[in-house]
Amino acid sequence: MPNHKSAIKRMRQNEKRRLRNRMRKSRMKTAIRAVEEAMFEKDVEKVKEKLKEAVSIISKTASKGTIHPNKASRTISRLTKKVNKFLEAQKAA
């Protein structure tokens, strides 16, 4: 346990930030999972809608500093590639 007043305050702040970051990361992962579940259900409109939501959430998570901007870009890129591949397969079928 910290003894100095400033260290006690810093500890409180760190805990709040940790929980906030955890919530944002969890929300981001849930959004990504929702896109993948929509692809599994083969619902084209739902996939497009969920992708749009997921991209927004991922970008917001990066802008808040919870994840690195490059990680956000990489995640969005990979997810979009997956969805595009899925949509091509649906058109062909």
N, C-alpha and C. Protein backbone atom coordinates (compact mmCIF):
# COMPACT_ATOMS: atom_id res chain seq x y z
N MET A 1 0.84 -1.19 0.00
CA MET A 1 0.00 0.00 0.00
C MET A 1 0.87 1.25 0.00
N PRO A 2 0.48 2.22 -0.78
CA PRO A 2 1.25 3.48 -0.81
C PRO A 2 1.05 4.28 0.47
N ASN A 3 2.06 5.05 0.82
CA ASN A 3 2.00 5.85 2.04
C ASN A 3 1.76 7.33 1.75
N HIS A 4 2.25 7.80 0.61
CA HIS A 4 2.10 9.21 0.28
C HIS A 4 0.71 9.50 -0.29
N LYS A 5 0.25 10.69 0.00
CA LYS A 5 -1.08 11.10 -0.45
C LYS A 5 -1.20 11.02 -1.98
N SER A 6 -0.17 11.48 -2.67
CA SER A 6 -0.19 11.49 -4.13
C SER A 6 -0.18 10.06 -4.70
N ALA A 7 0.53 9.17 -4.02
CA ALA A 7 0.59 7.77 -4.48
C ALA A 7 -0.75 7.07 -4.27
N ILE A 8 -1.45 7.44 -3.20
CA ILE A 8 -2.78 6.88 -2.93
C ILE A 8 -3.75 7.33 -4.03
N LYS A 9 -3.69 8.62 -4.37
CA LYS A 9 -4.54 9.16 -5.43
C LYS A 9 -4.22 8.50 -6.77
N ARG A 10 -2.93 8.35 -7.05
CA ARG A 10 -2.49 7.73 -8.30
C ARG A 10 -3.03 6.30 -8.39
N MET A 11 -3.03 5.59 -7.27
CA MET A 11 -3.53 4.22 -7.24
C MET A 11 -5.04 4.19 -7.57
N ARG A 12 -5.78 5.13 -7.01
CA ARG A 12 -7.22 5.22 -7.29
C ARG A 12 -7.45 5.50 -8.77
N GLN A 13 -6.68 6.43 -9.33
CA GLN A 13 -6.82 6.79 -10.74
C GLN A 13 -6.49 5.59 -11.64
N ASN A 14 -5.42 4.88 -11.30
CA ASN A 14 -5.01 3.73 -12.10
C ASN A 14 -6.08 2.65 -12.12
N GLU A 15 -6.72 2.44 -10.98
CA GLU A 15 -7.78 1.43 -10.90
C GLU A 15 -8.98 1.82 -11.77
N LYS A 16 -9.37 3.10 -11.71
CA LYS A 16 -10.47 3.58 -12.54
C LYS A 16 -10.15 3.40 -14.02
N ARG A 17 -8.93 3.78 -14.40
CA ARG A 17 -8.52 3.67 -15.81
C ARG A 17 -8.45 2.22 -16.26
N ARG A 18 -7.95 1.36 -15.38
CA ARG A 18 -7.85 -0.07 -15.71
C ARG A 18 -9.23 -0.64 -16.02
N LEU A 19 -10.20 -0.32 -15.17
CA LEU A 19 -11.56 -0.81 -15.37
C LEU A 19 -12.19 -0.23 -16.64
N ARG A 20 -11.93 1.05 -16.89
CA ARG A 20 -12.46 1.70 -18.09
C ARG A 20 -11.88 1.06 -19.35
N ASN A 21 -10.56 0.84 -19.34
CA ASN A 21 -9.90 0.21 -20.49
C ASN A 21 -10.41 -1.21 -20.71
N ARG A 22 -10.61 -1.91 -19.61
CA ARG A 22 -11.09 -3.28 -19.68
C ARG A 22 -12.47 -3.34 -20.32
N MET A 23 -13.33 -2.38 -19.92
CA MET A 23 -14.67 -2.30 -20.47
C MET A 23 -14.63 -2.02 -21.98
N ARG A 24 -13.78 -1.09 -22.38
CA ARG A 24 -13.68 -0.74 -23.80
C ARG A 24 -13.16 -1.91 -24.63
N LYS A 25 -12.13 -2.60 -24.12
CA LYS A 25 -11.58 -3.75 -24.84
C LYS A 25 -12.62 -4.85 -24.97
N SER A 26 -13.36 -5.07 -23.90
CA SER A 26 -14.40 -6.10 -23.90
C SER A 26 -15.47 -5.76 -24.93
N ARG A 27 -15.86 -4.50 -24.97
CA ARG A 27 -16.88 -4.04 -25.92
C ARG A 27 -16.39 -4.25 -27.36
N MET A 28 -15.10 -3.98 -27.58
CA MET A 28 -14.52 -4.14 -28.90
C MET A 28 -14.53 -5.62 -29.32
N LYS A 29 -14.12 -6.49 -28.42
CA LYS A 29 -14.08 -7.93 -28.73
C LYS A 29 -15.48 -8.47 -28.98
N THR A 30 -16.46 -7.97 -28.22
CA THR A 30 -17.84 -8.40 -28.41
C THR A 30 -18.35 -7.99 -29.79
N ALA A 31 -18.00 -6.78 -30.22
CA ALA A 31 -18.41 -6.29 -31.54
C ALA A 31 -17.82 -7.16 -32.65
N ILE A 32 -16.56 -7.52 -32.49
CA ILE A 32 -15.89 -8.38 -33.48
C ILE A 32 -16.57 -9.75 -33.52
N ARG A 33 -16.88 -10.28 -32.35
CA ARG A 33 -17.55 -11.58 -32.26
C ARG A 33 -18.92 -11.52 -32.93
N ALA A 34 -19.62 -10.40 -32.78
CA ALA A 34 -20.94 -10.24 -33.39
C ALA A 34 -20.86 -10.31 -34.91
N VAL A 35 -19.81 -9.74 -35.48
CA VAL A 35 -19.62 -9.80 -36.93
C VAL A 35 -19.40 -11.24 -37.36
N GLU A 36 -18.56 -11.95 -36.63
CA GLU A 36 -18.25 -13.34 -36.98
C GLU A 36 -19.47 -14.24 -36.83
N GLU A 37 -20.30 -13.98 -35.81
CA GLU A 37 -21.52 -14.76 -35.62
C GLU A 37 -22.51 -14.49 -36.77
N ALA A 38 -22.59 -13.24 -37.20
CA ALA A 38 -23.47 -12.90 -38.32
C ALA A 38 -23.00 -13.61 -39.60
N MET A 39 -21.68 -13.72 -39.77
CA MET A 39 -21.15 -14.44 -40.94
C MET A 39 -21.51 -15.92 -40.84
N PHE A 40 -21.45 -16.47 -39.63
CA PHE A 40 -21.79 -17.88 -39.43
C PHE A 40 -23.26 -18.14 -39.77
N GLU A 41 -24.12 -17.15 -39.46
CA GLU A 41 -25.55 -17.27 -39.76
C GLU A 41 -25.84 -17.02 -41.24
N LYS A 42 -24.85 -16.53 -41.97
CA LYS A 42 -24.96 -16.22 -43.40
C LYS A 42 -26.02 -15.16 -43.70
N ASP A 43 -26.10 -14.16 -42.84
CA ASP A 43 -27.04 -13.05 -43.02
C ASP A 43 -26.25 -11.84 -43.53
N VAL A 44 -26.34 -11.58 -44.84
CA VAL A 44 -25.52 -10.55 -45.49
C VAL A 44 -25.78 -9.16 -44.93
N GLU A 45 -27.05 -8.78 -44.80
CA GLU A 45 -27.38 -7.44 -44.29
C GLU A 45 -26.89 -7.25 -42.86
N LYS A 46 -27.07 -8.28 -42.05
CA LYS A 46 -26.64 -8.21 -40.65
C LYS A 46 -25.12 -8.08 -40.56
N VAL A 47 -24.42 -8.79 -41.44
CA VAL A 47 -22.95 -8.73 -41.46
C VAL A 47 -22.48 -7.31 -41.76
N LYS A 48 -23.08 -6.69 -42.78
CA LYS A 48 -22.70 -5.33 -43.15
C LYS A 48 -22.95 -4.35 -42.01
N GLU A 49 -24.10 -4.50 -41.36
CA GLU A 49 -24.47 -3.63 -40.25
C GLU A 49 -23.51 -3.81 -39.07
N LYS A 50 -23.23 -5.07 -38.73
CA LYS A 50 -22.34 -5.36 -37.59
C LYS A 50 -20.90 -4.91 -37.87
N LEU A 51 -20.47 -5.02 -39.13
CA LEU A 51 -19.12 -4.57 -39.49
C LEU A 51 -19.00 -3.07 -39.27
N LYS A 52 -20.01 -2.32 -39.71
CA LYS A 52 -20.00 -0.87 -39.54
C LYS A 52 -19.91 -0.49 -38.06
N GLU A 53 -20.69 -1.17 -37.22
CA GLU A 53 -20.66 -0.93 -35.78
C GLU A 53 -19.29 -1.26 -35.19
N ALA A 54 -18.75 -2.41 -35.60
CA ALA A 54 -17.47 -2.87 -35.07
C ALA A 54 -16.34 -1.90 -35.43
N VAL A 55 -16.33 -1.44 -36.67
CA VAL A 55 -15.28 -0.50 -37.10
C VAL A 55 -15.34 0.77 -36.26
N SER A 56 -16.55 1.25 -36.01
CA SER A 56 -16.74 2.45 -35.20
C SER A 56 -16.21 2.24 -33.78
N ILE A 57 -16.56 1.11 -33.19
CA ILE A 57 -16.15 0.81 -31.82
C ILE A 57 -14.63 0.65 -31.73
N ILE A 58 -14.04 -0.03 -32.71
CA ILE A 58 -12.58 -0.23 -32.70
C ILE A 58 -11.86 1.11 -32.83
N SER A 59 -12.34 1.96 -33.73
CA SER A 59 -11.72 3.28 -33.91
C SER A 59 -11.83 4.12 -32.64
N LYS A 60 -12.97 4.06 -32.01
CA LYS A 60 -13.20 4.81 -30.78
C LYS A 60 -12.27 4.32 -29.67
N THR A 61 -12.09 3.01 -29.59
CA THR A 61 -11.20 2.42 -28.58
C THR A 61 -9.78 2.93 -28.77
N ALA A 62 -9.36 3.04 -30.03
CA ALA A 62 -8.01 3.53 -30.32
C ALA A 62 -7.90 5.02 -30.02
N SER A 63 -8.93 5.78 -30.36
CA SER A 63 -8.87 7.23 -30.14
C SER A 63 -8.82 7.58 -28.66
N LYS A 64 -9.37 6.70 -27.82
CA LYS A 64 -9.34 6.93 -26.37
C LYS A 64 -8.00 6.50 -25.76
N GLY A 65 -7.16 5.85 -26.56
CA GLY A 65 -5.84 5.46 -26.08
C GLY A 65 -5.79 4.10 -25.41
N THR A 66 -6.88 3.35 -25.50
CA THR A 66 -6.92 2.03 -24.87
C THR A 66 -6.06 1.04 -25.65
N ILE A 67 -6.15 1.12 -26.98
CA ILE A 67 -5.29 0.28 -27.83
C ILE A 67 -4.51 1.19 -28.77
N HIS A 68 -3.43 0.67 -29.30
CA HIS A 68 -2.58 1.43 -30.22
C HIS A 68 -3.32 1.64 -31.54
N PRO A 69 -3.17 2.81 -32.14
CA PRO A 69 -3.85 3.07 -33.43
C PRO A 69 -3.50 2.05 -34.52
N ASN A 70 -2.26 1.58 -34.53
CA ASN A 70 -1.87 0.58 -35.54
C ASN A 70 -2.60 -0.74 -35.32
N LYS A 71 -2.80 -1.10 -34.06
CA LYS A 71 -3.55 -2.33 -33.76
C LYS A 71 -4.98 -2.19 -34.23
N ALA A 72 -5.55 -1.01 -34.03
CA ALA A 72 -6.92 -0.76 -34.48
C ALA A 72 -7.01 -0.90 -35.99
N SER A 73 -6.08 -0.28 -36.71
CA SER A 73 -6.07 -0.36 -38.17
C SER A 73 -5.92 -1.79 -38.64
N ARG A 74 -5.03 -2.51 -38.01
CA ARG A 74 -4.78 -3.91 -38.37
C ARG A 74 -6.04 -4.76 -38.14
N THR A 75 -6.69 -4.55 -37.01
CA THR A 75 -7.89 -5.31 -36.67
C THR A 75 -9.02 -5.01 -37.65
N ILE A 76 -9.20 -3.73 -37.94
CA ILE A 76 -10.25 -3.32 -38.89
C ILE A 76 -9.97 -3.92 -40.27
N SER A 77 -8.71 -3.86 -40.68
CA SER A 77 -8.33 -4.38 -41.98
C SER A 77 -8.61 -5.88 -42.09
N ARG A 78 -8.21 -6.63 -41.08
CA ARG A 78 -8.41 -8.08 -41.11
C ARG A 78 -9.89 -8.44 -41.09
N LEU A 79 -10.64 -7.73 -40.28
CA LEU A 79 -12.08 -7.99 -40.19
C LEU A 79 -12.77 -7.67 -41.52
N THR A 80 -12.39 -6.55 -42.12
CA THR A 80 -12.98 -6.15 -43.40
C THR A 80 -12.64 -7.16 -44.49
N LYS A 81 -11.40 -7.65 -44.50
CA LYS A 81 -11.00 -8.67 -45.47
C LYS A 81 -11.83 -9.94 -45.31
N LYS A 82 -12.05 -10.34 -44.06
CA LYS A 82 -12.87 -11.52 -43.79
C LYS A 82 -14.29 -11.34 -44.32
N VAL A 83 -14.86 -10.17 -44.04
CA VAL A 83 -16.23 -9.88 -44.47
C VAL A 83 -16.31 -9.84 -45.99
N ASN A 84 -15.35 -9.19 -46.63
CA ASN A 84 -15.35 -9.12 -48.10
C ASN A 84 -15.26 -10.50 -48.72
N LYS A 85 -14.44 -11.35 -48.13
CA LYS A 85 -14.30 -12.72 -48.61
C LYS A 85 -15.64 -13.46 -48.46
N PHE A 86 -16.28 -13.24 -47.32
CA PHE A 86 -17.59 -13.84 -47.05
C PHE A 86 -18.63 -13.37 -48.07
N LEU A 87 -18.64 -12.06 -48.34
CA LEU A 87 -19.62 -11.49 -49.28
C LEU A 87 -19.40 -12.01 -50.69
N GLU A 88 -18.14 -12.17 -51.09
CA GLU A 88 -17.83 -12.74 -52.41
C GLU A 88 -18.34 -14.17 -52.50
N ALA A 89 -18.15 -14.93 -51.43
CA ALA A 89 -18.62 -16.33 -51.41
C ALA A 89 -20.15 -16.38 -51.50
N GLN A 90 -20.82 -15.42 -50.86
CA GLN A 90 -22.27 -15.38 -50.90
C GLN A 90 -22.80 -15.02 -52.29
N LYS A 91 -22.07 -14.13 -52.97
CA LYS A 91 -22.47 -13.75 -54.34
C LYS A 91 -22.33 -14.93 -55.29
N ALA A 92 -21.24 -15.68 -55.10
CA ALA A 92 -20.95 -16.81 -55.97
C ALA A 92 -21.97 -17.94 -55.76
N ALA A 93 -22.46 -18.05 -54.54
CA ALA A 93 -23.40 -19.16 -54.22
C ALA A 93 -24.82 -18.90 -54.69
